[in-house]
Amino acid sequence: MRSSKSRSRGKNRNNRPSGGNIINRVFDSSGPDGKVRGTPQQIIDKYNQLHRDAQLSGDRVAAENFAQHAEHYLRMLAEAQREMDKAREEQEEENRRRQAERDRERAERLKAQEAVANGSEGTSQQPADQQNAEPENGDSTLVETPESQPKPKKPRARKPRAPKSESSSQDGPEVAPAEEPQASE
């Protein structure tokens, strides 16, 4: 014999759909005139039409019954719309927060790039809270190192050029004459 817990475990006790989009969900409504099937808006329209028909035929009880059925689905639809609007607003707020964070990071990056371009590279790479933090006694805890300071550019030494002689410029490269052997007498 099975316990009643295992049989009712999968049932939804309040007869409401668990999650999902109620607005586009198809419902089967068992009304006084038989089943009505469709989305909540379609069911509302059908019950409103049945309400008008019952009023025209003079059946006040049936008209009230159809009106109550239409109101039930109208409330379901309104609740689903509120939930969707709330979720949309939360999503938009999250998107605005993310965009603000990206804008802030972009501004910091541009500020750091400008600082590097202006030559104050050492201070721009530290986070803002570390830049403004000073020890209580007023001494700075940062020590300047040779790596953090820009290196001065040294002028390159050039070799002095030898003055050009007039003959070498016309005749080509100057070649030393070969020595002639001296004859012995």
N, C-alpha and C. Protein backbone atom coordinates (compact mmCIF):
# COMPACT_ATOMS: atom_id res chain seq x y z
N MET A 1 0.84 -1.17 0.00
CA MET A 1 0.00 0.00 0.00
C MET A 1 0.89 1.24 0.00
N ARG A 2 0.57 2.21 -0.86
CA ARG A 2 1.37 3.43 -0.95
C ARG A 2 0.85 4.47 0.01
N SER A 3 1.78 5.29 0.46
CA SER A 3 1.35 6.38 1.34
C SER A 3 0.74 7.51 0.51
N SER A 4 -0.04 8.33 1.14
CA SER A 4 -0.69 9.43 0.43
C SER A 4 0.32 10.50 0.03
N LYS A 5 1.44 10.57 0.75
CA LYS A 5 2.47 11.57 0.41
C LYS A 5 3.04 11.31 -0.97
N SER A 6 3.32 10.09 -1.32
CA SER A 6 3.93 9.81 -2.61
C SER A 6 2.96 10.10 -3.76
N ARG A 7 1.66 9.93 -3.54
CA ARG A 7 0.70 10.21 -4.60
C ARG A 7 0.50 11.70 -4.81
N SER A 8 0.59 12.49 -3.76
CA SER A 8 0.32 13.92 -3.89
C SER A 8 1.59 14.76 -4.05
N ARG A 9 2.72 14.08 -4.14
CA ARG A 9 3.98 14.82 -4.20
C ARG A 9 4.06 15.71 -5.42
N GLY A 10 3.64 15.27 -6.56
CA GLY A 10 3.76 16.04 -7.79
C GLY A 10 2.62 17.01 -8.03
N LYS A 11 1.61 17.00 -7.19
CA LYS A 11 0.45 17.85 -7.43
C LYS A 11 0.70 19.26 -6.91
N ASN A 12 0.16 20.20 -7.62
CA ASN A 12 0.24 21.59 -7.19
C ASN A 12 -1.05 21.89 -6.42
N ARG A 13 -0.94 22.13 -5.15
CA ARG A 13 -2.12 22.21 -4.28
C ARG A 13 -2.99 23.44 -4.52
N ASN A 14 -2.40 24.55 -4.97
CA ASN A 14 -3.22 25.75 -5.13
C ASN A 14 -3.72 25.92 -6.56
N ASN A 15 -3.57 24.90 -7.39
CA ASN A 15 -4.06 24.90 -8.77
C ASN A 15 -3.53 26.08 -9.59
N ARG A 16 -2.40 26.54 -9.26
CA ARG A 16 -1.75 27.60 -10.04
C ARG A 16 -0.54 27.01 -10.75
N PRO A 17 -0.25 27.51 -11.91
CA PRO A 17 0.92 26.99 -12.61
C PRO A 17 2.20 27.37 -11.87
N SER A 18 3.13 26.45 -11.85
CA SER A 18 4.40 26.72 -11.16
C SER A 18 5.38 27.30 -12.16
N GLY A 19 5.59 28.60 -12.10
CA GLY A 19 6.52 29.26 -12.99
C GLY A 19 5.98 29.34 -14.40
N GLY A 20 6.81 29.77 -15.28
CA GLY A 20 6.40 29.88 -16.67
C GLY A 20 5.63 31.16 -16.94
N ASN A 21 5.28 31.34 -18.17
CA ASN A 21 4.59 32.54 -18.59
C ASN A 21 3.08 32.27 -18.61
N ILE A 22 2.36 32.80 -17.65
CA ILE A 22 0.92 32.59 -17.55
C ILE A 22 0.19 33.29 -18.70
N ILE A 23 0.73 34.38 -19.18
CA ILE A 23 0.06 35.17 -20.20
C ILE A 23 -0.12 34.38 -21.49
N ASN A 24 0.84 33.56 -21.84
CA ASN A 24 0.76 32.79 -23.09
C ASN A 24 0.35 31.34 -22.87
N ARG A 25 0.13 30.96 -21.64
CA ARG A 25 -0.23 29.58 -21.33
C ARG A 25 -1.68 29.32 -21.71
N VAL A 26 -1.96 28.13 -22.20
CA VAL A 26 -3.32 27.76 -22.58
C VAL A 26 -3.98 27.07 -21.39
N PHE A 27 -5.16 27.55 -21.01
CA PHE A 27 -5.91 27.01 -19.89
C PHE A 27 -7.17 26.32 -20.40
N ASP A 28 -7.65 25.35 -19.61
CA ASP A 28 -8.96 24.74 -19.83
C ASP A 28 -9.84 25.21 -18.68
N SER A 29 -10.84 26.00 -18.98
CA SER A 29 -11.73 26.52 -17.96
C SER A 29 -13.05 25.77 -18.02
N SER A 30 -13.44 25.22 -16.90
CA SER A 30 -14.73 24.52 -16.84
C SER A 30 -15.77 25.49 -16.31
N GLY A 31 -16.47 26.12 -17.20
CA GLY A 31 -17.49 27.08 -16.82
C GLY A 31 -18.87 26.44 -16.81
N PRO A 32 -19.88 27.22 -16.51
CA PRO A 32 -21.24 26.68 -16.44
C PRO A 32 -21.77 26.20 -17.80
N ASP A 33 -21.19 26.70 -18.87
CA ASP A 33 -21.67 26.34 -20.20
C ASP A 33 -20.75 25.33 -20.87
N GLY A 34 -19.87 24.69 -20.15
CA GLY A 34 -18.93 23.75 -20.73
C GLY A 34 -17.51 24.30 -20.62
N LYS A 35 -16.61 23.63 -21.33
CA LYS A 35 -15.20 24.03 -21.24
C LYS A 35 -14.91 25.18 -22.19
N VAL A 36 -14.05 26.06 -21.70
CA VAL A 36 -13.54 27.14 -22.52
C VAL A 36 -12.02 26.99 -22.49
N ARG A 37 -11.42 26.96 -23.68
CA ARG A 37 -9.98 26.72 -23.77
C ARG A 37 -9.31 27.91 -24.44
N GLY A 38 -8.13 28.31 -23.89
CA GLY A 38 -7.36 29.38 -24.51
C GLY A 38 -6.46 30.06 -23.51
N THR A 39 -5.82 31.12 -23.97
CA THR A 39 -4.98 31.93 -23.08
C THR A 39 -5.90 32.73 -22.16
N PRO A 40 -5.38 33.27 -21.07
CA PRO A 40 -6.25 34.04 -20.17
C PRO A 40 -7.02 35.15 -20.89
N GLN A 41 -6.39 35.85 -21.82
CA GLN A 41 -7.09 36.93 -22.52
C GLN A 41 -8.22 36.38 -23.39
N GLN A 42 -7.98 35.25 -24.04
CA GLN A 42 -9.02 34.64 -24.86
C GLN A 42 -10.19 34.16 -24.01
N ILE A 43 -9.87 33.59 -22.84
CA ILE A 43 -10.92 33.12 -21.94
C ILE A 43 -11.73 34.29 -21.40
N ILE A 44 -11.06 35.39 -21.05
CA ILE A 44 -11.75 36.59 -20.58
C ILE A 44 -12.72 37.09 -21.65
N ASP A 45 -12.24 37.16 -22.89
CA ASP A 45 -13.09 37.64 -23.99
C ASP A 45 -14.30 36.71 -24.18
N LYS A 46 -14.06 35.40 -24.09
CA LYS A 46 -15.16 34.44 -24.28
C LYS A 46 -16.20 34.58 -23.17
N TYR A 47 -15.75 34.66 -21.90
CA TYR A 47 -16.70 34.80 -20.79
C TYR A 47 -17.43 36.14 -20.85
N ASN A 48 -16.77 37.20 -21.28
CA ASN A 48 -17.45 38.49 -21.43
C ASN A 48 -18.53 38.40 -22.51
N GLN A 49 -18.24 37.69 -23.59
CA GLN A 49 -19.25 37.50 -24.64
C GLN A 49 -20.43 36.68 -24.11
N LEU A 50 -20.12 35.61 -23.38
CA LEU A 50 -21.19 34.80 -22.78
C LEU A 50 -22.00 35.62 -21.77
N HIS A 51 -21.34 36.51 -21.03
CA HIS A 51 -22.02 37.40 -20.07
C HIS A 51 -23.00 38.31 -20.81
N ARG A 52 -22.58 38.92 -21.90
CA ARG A 52 -23.47 39.79 -22.68
C ARG A 52 -24.65 39.01 -23.25
N ASP A 53 -24.36 37.81 -23.76
CA ASP A 53 -25.43 36.98 -24.32
C ASP A 53 -26.46 36.61 -23.25
N ALA A 54 -25.97 36.26 -22.04
CA ALA A 54 -26.88 35.90 -20.95
C ALA A 54 -27.70 37.11 -20.52
N GLN A 55 -27.12 38.28 -20.51
CA GLN A 55 -27.86 39.49 -20.15
C GLN A 55 -28.97 39.78 -21.18
N LEU A 56 -28.62 39.62 -22.45
CA LEU A 56 -29.60 39.89 -23.50
C LEU A 56 -30.77 38.89 -23.46
N SER A 57 -30.46 37.66 -23.03
CA SER A 57 -31.52 36.65 -22.95
C SER A 57 -32.31 36.77 -21.63
N GLY A 58 -31.84 37.63 -20.72
CA GLY A 58 -32.56 37.87 -19.47
C GLY A 58 -32.19 36.93 -18.34
N ASP A 59 -31.14 36.17 -18.47
CA ASP A 59 -30.71 35.23 -17.42
C ASP A 59 -29.68 35.92 -16.54
N ARG A 60 -30.15 36.53 -15.46
CA ARG A 60 -29.25 37.30 -14.58
C ARG A 60 -28.25 36.40 -13.85
N VAL A 61 -28.68 35.21 -13.45
CA VAL A 61 -27.80 34.29 -12.71
C VAL A 61 -26.64 33.84 -13.60
N ALA A 62 -26.93 33.41 -14.80
CA ALA A 62 -25.88 32.96 -15.73
C ALA A 62 -24.96 34.13 -16.08
N ALA A 63 -25.55 35.33 -16.26
CA ALA A 63 -24.74 36.50 -16.59
C ALA A 63 -23.74 36.79 -15.47
N GLU A 64 -24.21 36.72 -14.22
CA GLU A 64 -23.31 36.97 -13.08
C GLU A 64 -22.23 35.89 -12.99
N ASN A 65 -22.61 34.66 -13.26
CA ASN A 65 -21.65 33.56 -13.21
C ASN A 65 -20.56 33.76 -14.26
N PHE A 66 -20.92 34.12 -15.48
CA PHE A 66 -19.93 34.37 -16.53
C PHE A 66 -19.05 35.57 -16.17
N ALA A 67 -19.63 36.58 -15.58
CA ALA A 67 -18.87 37.77 -15.19
C ALA A 67 -17.83 37.40 -14.12
N GLN A 68 -18.20 36.52 -13.19
CA GLN A 68 -17.26 36.11 -12.15
C GLN A 68 -16.12 35.27 -12.74
N HIS A 69 -16.46 34.41 -13.69
CA HIS A 69 -15.41 33.63 -14.34
C HIS A 69 -14.45 34.56 -15.09
N ALA A 70 -14.98 35.53 -15.79
CA ALA A 70 -14.14 36.47 -16.52
C ALA A 70 -13.27 37.26 -15.55
N GLU A 71 -13.83 37.66 -14.40
CA GLU A 71 -13.06 38.42 -13.40
C GLU A 71 -11.92 37.59 -12.84
N HIS A 72 -12.17 36.29 -12.62
CA HIS A 72 -11.11 35.40 -12.11
C HIS A 72 -9.91 35.40 -13.04
N TYR A 73 -10.15 35.20 -14.33
CA TYR A 73 -9.05 35.17 -15.29
C TYR A 73 -8.43 36.56 -15.48
N LEU A 74 -9.23 37.59 -15.32
CA LEU A 74 -8.71 38.95 -15.39
C LEU A 74 -7.72 39.20 -14.25
N ARG A 75 -8.06 38.72 -13.06
CA ARG A 75 -7.14 38.87 -11.91
C ARG A 75 -5.87 38.07 -12.12
N MET A 76 -5.99 36.85 -12.66
CA MET A 76 -4.79 36.04 -12.95
C MET A 76 -3.89 36.77 -13.93
N LEU A 77 -4.51 37.33 -14.97
CA LEU A 77 -3.75 38.03 -16.00
C LEU A 77 -3.08 39.27 -15.42
N ALA A 78 -3.79 40.02 -14.59
CA ALA A 78 -3.23 41.23 -13.98
C ALA A 78 -2.06 40.88 -13.07
N GLU A 79 -2.19 39.81 -12.30
CA GLU A 79 -1.09 39.39 -11.41
C GLU A 79 0.14 38.98 -12.22
N ALA A 80 -0.09 38.24 -13.30
CA ALA A 80 1.02 37.83 -14.16
C ALA A 80 1.70 39.05 -14.78
N GLN A 81 0.90 40.03 -15.18
CA GLN A 81 1.47 41.26 -15.75
C GLN A 81 2.32 41.99 -14.71
N ARG A 82 1.82 42.08 -13.47
CA ARG A 82 2.59 42.74 -12.41
C ARG A 82 3.91 42.03 -12.17
N GLU A 83 3.87 40.70 -12.16
CA GLU A 83 5.10 39.94 -11.94
C GLU A 83 6.09 40.16 -13.10
N MET A 84 5.56 40.18 -14.32
CA MET A 84 6.44 40.41 -15.47
C MET A 84 7.02 41.82 -15.45
N ASP A 85 6.19 42.81 -15.07
CA ASP A 85 6.68 44.18 -14.98
C ASP A 85 7.75 44.31 -13.91
N LYS A 86 7.53 43.64 -12.78
CA LYS A 86 8.51 43.68 -11.69
C LYS A 86 9.82 43.05 -12.14
N ALA A 87 9.73 41.90 -12.80
CA ALA A 87 10.94 41.24 -13.29
C ALA A 87 11.65 42.11 -14.33
N ARG A 88 10.89 42.77 -15.20
CA ARG A 88 11.47 43.65 -16.21
C ARG A 88 12.18 44.83 -15.55
N GLU A 89 11.54 45.42 -14.53
CA GLU A 89 12.16 46.55 -13.84
C GLU A 89 13.44 46.12 -13.13
N GLU A 90 13.41 44.94 -12.50
CA GLU A 90 14.62 44.43 -11.84
C GLU A 90 15.74 44.22 -12.86
N GLN A 91 15.38 43.67 -14.02
CA GLN A 91 16.37 43.44 -15.06
C GLN A 91 16.93 44.76 -15.58
N GLU A 92 16.06 45.74 -15.77
CA GLU A 92 16.52 47.05 -16.24
C GLU A 92 17.42 47.72 -15.20
N GLU A 93 17.07 47.59 -13.93
CA GLU A 93 17.91 48.16 -12.86
C GLU A 93 19.28 47.49 -12.85
N GLU A 94 19.29 46.17 -13.01
CA GLU A 94 20.56 45.43 -13.06
C GLU A 94 21.38 45.88 -14.27
N ASN A 95 20.72 46.07 -15.41
CA ASN A 95 21.43 46.53 -16.61
C ASN A 95 21.99 47.93 -16.40
N ARG A 96 21.21 48.83 -15.75
CA ARG A 96 21.71 50.18 -15.47
C ARG A 96 22.91 50.14 -14.53
N ARG A 97 22.85 49.26 -13.52
CA ARG A 97 23.97 49.14 -12.58
C ARG A 97 25.22 48.63 -13.30
N ARG A 98 25.05 47.63 -14.16
CA ARG A 98 26.20 47.11 -14.90
C ARG A 98 26.77 48.15 -15.84
N GLN A 99 25.90 48.90 -16.51
CA GLN A 99 26.37 49.94 -17.43
C GLN A 99 27.12 51.02 -16.67
N ALA A 100 26.62 51.40 -15.49
CA ALA A 100 27.31 52.41 -14.68
C ALA A 100 28.69 51.90 -14.26
N GLU A 101 28.78 50.63 -13.92
CA GLU A 101 30.06 50.04 -13.54
C GLU A 101 31.02 50.04 -14.74
N ARG A 102 30.52 49.69 -15.92
CA ARG A 102 31.37 49.70 -17.11
C ARG A 102 31.82 51.12 -17.44
N ASP A 103 30.91 52.10 -17.30
CA ASP A 103 31.27 53.49 -17.56
C ASP A 103 32.34 53.97 -16.58
N ARG A 104 32.19 53.60 -15.31
CA ARG A 104 33.17 53.99 -14.30
C ARG A 104 34.53 53.37 -14.61
N GLU A 105 34.55 52.09 -14.96
CA GLU A 105 35.81 51.43 -15.30
C GLU A 105 36.45 52.05 -16.54
N ARG A 106 35.62 52.39 -17.52
CA ARG A 106 36.13 53.01 -18.74
C ARG A 106 36.75 54.37 -18.42
N ALA A 107 36.09 55.15 -17.56
CA ALA A 107 36.61 56.46 -17.18
C ALA A 107 37.94 56.31 -16.44
N GLU A 108 38.02 55.32 -15.54
CA GLU A 108 39.29 55.09 -14.83
C GLU A 108 40.40 54.69 -15.79
N ARG A 109 40.05 53.85 -16.77
CA ARG A 109 41.05 53.42 -17.75
C ARG A 109 41.54 54.60 -18.57
N LEU A 110 40.62 55.45 -19.01
CA LEU A 110 41.01 56.63 -19.78
C LEU A 110 41.86 57.57 -18.94
N LYS A 111 41.50 57.73 -17.68
CA LYS A 111 42.27 58.59 -16.77
C LYS A 111 43.68 58.05 -16.60
N ALA A 112 43.80 56.73 -16.46
CA ALA A 112 45.12 56.11 -16.31
C ALA A 112 45.93 56.27 -17.59
N GLN A 113 45.29 56.14 -18.74
CA GLN A 113 46.00 56.30 -20.01
C GLN A 113 46.48 57.74 -20.18
N GLU A 114 45.65 58.70 -19.79
CA GLU A 114 46.07 60.09 -19.87
C GLU A 114 47.23 60.37 -18.93
N ALA A 115 47.18 59.78 -17.74
CA ALA A 115 48.26 59.98 -16.78
C ALA A 115 49.56 59.39 -17.33
N VAL A 116 49.49 58.24 -17.97
CA VAL A 116 50.68 57.63 -18.56
C VAL A 116 51.20 58.53 -19.67
N ALA A 117 50.30 59.06 -20.47
CA ALA A 117 50.71 59.91 -21.57
C ALA A 117 51.35 61.21 -21.06
N ASN A 118 50.91 61.69 -19.92
CA ASN A 118 51.46 62.92 -19.35
C ASN A 118 52.73 62.68 -18.53
N GLY A 119 53.10 61.43 -18.33
CA GLY A 119 54.35 61.15 -17.65
C GLY A 119 54.20 60.86 -16.16
N SER A 120 53.05 60.88 -15.61
CA SER A 120 52.89 60.57 -14.19
C SER A 120 52.47 59.12 -14.05
N GLU A 121 53.25 58.25 -14.63
CA GLU A 121 52.94 56.83 -14.68
C GLU A 121 52.89 56.18 -13.32
N GLY A 122 53.74 56.53 -12.41
CA GLY A 122 53.85 55.87 -11.11
C GLY A 122 52.61 56.01 -10.26
N THR A 123 51.98 57.18 -10.27
CA THR A 123 50.82 57.37 -9.40
C THR A 123 49.54 56.87 -10.03
N SER A 124 49.48 56.76 -11.36
CA SER A 124 48.22 56.37 -11.99
C SER A 124 47.97 54.87 -11.90
N GLN A 125 49.00 54.08 -11.63
CA GLN A 125 48.80 52.65 -11.59
C GLN A 125 48.31 52.17 -10.23
N GLN A 126 48.29 53.02 -9.23
CA GLN A 126 47.82 52.61 -7.92
C GLN A 126 46.32 52.82 -7.84
N PRO A 127 45.61 51.96 -7.10
CA PRO A 127 44.18 52.19 -6.90
C PRO A 127 43.95 53.50 -6.17
N ALA A 128 42.78 54.08 -6.36
CA ALA A 128 42.47 55.40 -5.81
C ALA A 128 42.57 55.42 -4.29
N ASP A 129 42.16 54.34 -3.63
CA ASP A 129 42.20 54.35 -2.16
C ASP A 129 43.64 54.31 -1.65
N GLN A 130 44.57 53.73 -2.41
CA GLN A 130 45.96 53.71 -1.98
C GLN A 130 46.64 55.03 -2.27
N GLN A 131 46.21 55.74 -3.32
CA GLN A 131 46.82 57.03 -3.64
C GLN A 131 46.56 58.04 -2.54
N ASN A 132 45.36 58.06 -2.01
CA ASN A 132 44.98 59.06 -1.02
C ASN A 132 45.31 58.65 0.40
N ALA A 133 45.70 57.40 0.62
CA ALA A 133 45.96 56.94 1.98
C ALA A 133 47.33 57.44 2.44
N GLU A 134 47.35 58.03 3.61
CA GLU A 134 48.60 58.47 4.21
C GLU A 134 48.70 57.86 5.59
N PRO A 135 49.90 57.56 6.04
CA PRO A 135 50.05 57.03 7.38
C PRO A 135 49.67 58.10 8.41
N GLU A 136 49.37 57.63 9.61
CA GLU A 136 48.92 58.54 10.66
C GLU A 136 49.98 59.52 11.10
N ASN A 137 51.26 59.15 11.04
CA ASN A 137 52.31 60.06 11.49
C ASN A 137 52.74 61.04 10.40
N GLY A 138 52.17 60.96 9.22
CA GLY A 138 52.47 61.92 8.16
C GLY A 138 53.58 61.49 7.23
N ASP A 139 54.35 60.44 7.57
CA ASP A 139 55.42 59.96 6.70
C ASP A 139 54.82 59.09 5.61
N SER A 140 55.38 59.21 4.45
CA SER A 140 54.91 58.40 3.36
C SER A 140 55.53 57.02 3.46
N THR A 141 54.76 56.01 3.21
CA THR A 141 55.29 54.65 3.25
C THR A 141 55.85 54.23 1.90
N LEU A 142 55.64 55.05 0.88
CA LEU A 142 56.14 54.71 -0.44
C LEU A 142 57.60 55.14 -0.56
N VAL A 143 58.38 54.30 -1.17
CA VAL A 143 59.78 54.59 -1.39
C VAL A 143 59.98 54.70 -2.89
N GLU A 144 60.63 55.77 -3.31
CA GLU A 144 60.87 55.92 -4.73
C GLU A 144 62.03 55.04 -5.13
N THR A 145 61.83 54.31 -6.18
CA THR A 145 62.87 53.42 -6.69
C THR A 145 63.32 53.93 -8.05
N PRO A 146 64.48 53.55 -8.49
CA PRO A 146 64.95 54.02 -9.80
C PRO A 146 64.04 53.56 -10.93
N GLU A 147 63.38 52.41 -10.76
CA GLU A 147 62.52 51.90 -11.82
C GLU A 147 61.28 52.78 -11.98
N SER A 148 60.83 53.41 -10.90
CA SER A 148 59.59 54.18 -10.97
C SER A 148 59.80 55.57 -11.56
N GLN A 149 61.04 56.03 -11.63
CA GLN A 149 61.30 57.35 -12.18
C GLN A 149 61.69 57.22 -13.65
N PRO A 150 61.24 58.17 -14.46
CA PRO A 150 61.60 58.09 -15.88
C PRO A 150 63.10 58.34 -16.06
N LYS A 151 63.68 57.60 -16.98
CA LYS A 151 65.12 57.73 -17.22
C LYS A 151 65.37 58.95 -18.09
N PRO A 152 66.36 59.77 -17.72
CA PRO A 152 66.68 60.92 -18.57
C PRO A 152 67.36 60.43 -19.84
N LYS A 153 67.04 61.07 -20.94
CA LYS A 153 67.66 60.68 -22.20
C LYS A 153 69.03 61.33 -22.31
N LYS A 154 70.02 60.52 -22.63
CA LYS A 154 71.39 61.01 -22.77
C LYS A 154 71.64 61.29 -24.25
N PRO A 155 72.29 62.42 -24.52
CA PRO A 155 72.62 62.67 -25.93
C PRO A 155 73.70 61.71 -26.38
N ARG A 156 73.59 61.22 -27.58
CA ARG A 156 74.57 60.28 -28.09
C ARG A 156 75.81 61.03 -28.55
N ALA A 157 76.94 60.48 -28.21
CA ALA A 157 78.20 61.10 -28.64
C ALA A 157 78.48 60.67 -30.07
N ARG A 158 78.86 61.65 -30.88
CA ARG A 158 79.17 61.36 -32.28
C ARG A 158 80.66 61.45 -32.50
N LYS A 159 81.11 60.66 -33.42
CA LYS A 159 82.52 60.72 -33.80
C LYS A 159 82.70 61.94 -34.67
N PRO A 160 83.77 62.68 -34.41
CA PRO A 160 84.01 63.82 -35.30
C PRO A 160 84.43 63.31 -36.68
N ARG A 161 83.96 63.98 -37.67
CA ARG A 161 84.30 63.58 -39.03
C ARG A 161 85.64 64.21 -39.43
N ALA A 162 86.34 63.47 -40.20
CA ALA A 162 87.61 63.98 -40.72
C ALA A 162 87.29 64.96 -41.84
N PRO A 163 88.00 66.07 -41.89
CA PRO A 163 87.72 67.03 -42.96
C PRO A 163 88.08 66.41 -44.31
N LYS A 164 87.27 66.68 -45.26
CA LYS A 164 87.50 66.14 -46.60
C LYS A 164 88.51 67.04 -47.33
N SER A 165 89.39 66.37 -48.00
CA SER A 165 90.34 67.16 -48.81
C SER A 165 89.73 67.33 -50.19
N GLU A 166 90.18 68.37 -50.86
CA GLU A 166 89.61 68.68 -52.17
C GLU A 166 89.98 67.61 -53.20
N SER A 167 91.18 67.11 -53.15
CA SER A 167 91.63 66.14 -54.16
C SER A 167 90.92 64.81 -53.99
N SER A 168 90.66 64.42 -52.75
CA SER A 168 90.04 63.12 -52.54
C SER A 168 88.59 63.13 -52.98
N SER A 169 87.98 64.29 -52.91
CA SER A 169 86.58 64.33 -53.31
C SER A 169 86.46 64.24 -54.83
N GLN A 170 87.53 64.68 -55.58
CA GLN A 170 87.44 64.64 -57.03
C GLN A 170 87.98 63.33 -57.58
N ASP A 171 89.03 62.81 -57.03
CA ASP A 171 89.69 61.64 -57.58
C ASP A 171 89.21 60.33 -56.98
N GLY A 172 88.43 60.38 -56.00
CA GLY A 172 88.01 59.15 -55.36
C GLY A 172 88.81 58.96 -54.09
N PRO A 173 88.84 57.74 -53.59
CA PRO A 173 89.56 57.50 -52.34
C PRO A 173 91.06 57.70 -52.53
N GLU A 174 91.63 58.25 -51.51
CA GLU A 174 93.07 58.54 -51.56
C GLU A 174 93.84 57.27 -51.26
N VAL A 175 94.82 56.96 -52.12
CA VAL A 175 95.62 55.75 -51.95
C VAL A 175 97.07 56.19 -51.75
N ALA A 176 97.72 55.60 -50.80
CA ALA A 176 99.13 55.95 -50.53
C ALA A 176 99.99 55.37 -51.65
N PRO A 177 100.95 56.19 -52.16
CA PRO A 177 101.81 55.69 -53.23
C PRO A 177 102.70 54.59 -52.72
N ALA A 178 102.96 53.62 -53.56
CA ALA A 178 103.82 52.53 -53.19
C ALA A 178 105.28 53.00 -53.23
N GLU A 179 106.04 52.50 -52.32
CA GLU A 179 107.45 52.91 -52.26
C GLU A 179 108.22 52.18 -53.34
N GLU A 180 109.14 52.92 -53.96
CA GLU A 180 109.96 52.31 -54.99
C GLU A 180 111.24 51.78 -54.35
N PRO A 181 111.71 50.66 -54.81
CA PRO A 181 112.96 50.16 -54.25
C PRO A 181 114.14 51.08 -54.68
N GLN A 182 114.96 51.31 -53.78
CA GLN A 182 116.11 52.17 -54.08
C GLN A 182 117.21 51.32 -54.74
N ALA A 183 117.79 51.86 -55.76
CA ALA A 183 118.85 51.15 -56.47
C ALA A 183 120.21 51.42 -55.80
N SER A 184 120.97 50.44 -55.70
CA SER A 184 122.29 50.63 -55.11
C SER A 184 123.30 50.87 -56.21
N GLU A 185 124.15 51.80 -56.04
CA GLU A 185 125.12 52.18 -57.06
C GLU A 185 126.39 51.47 -56.89
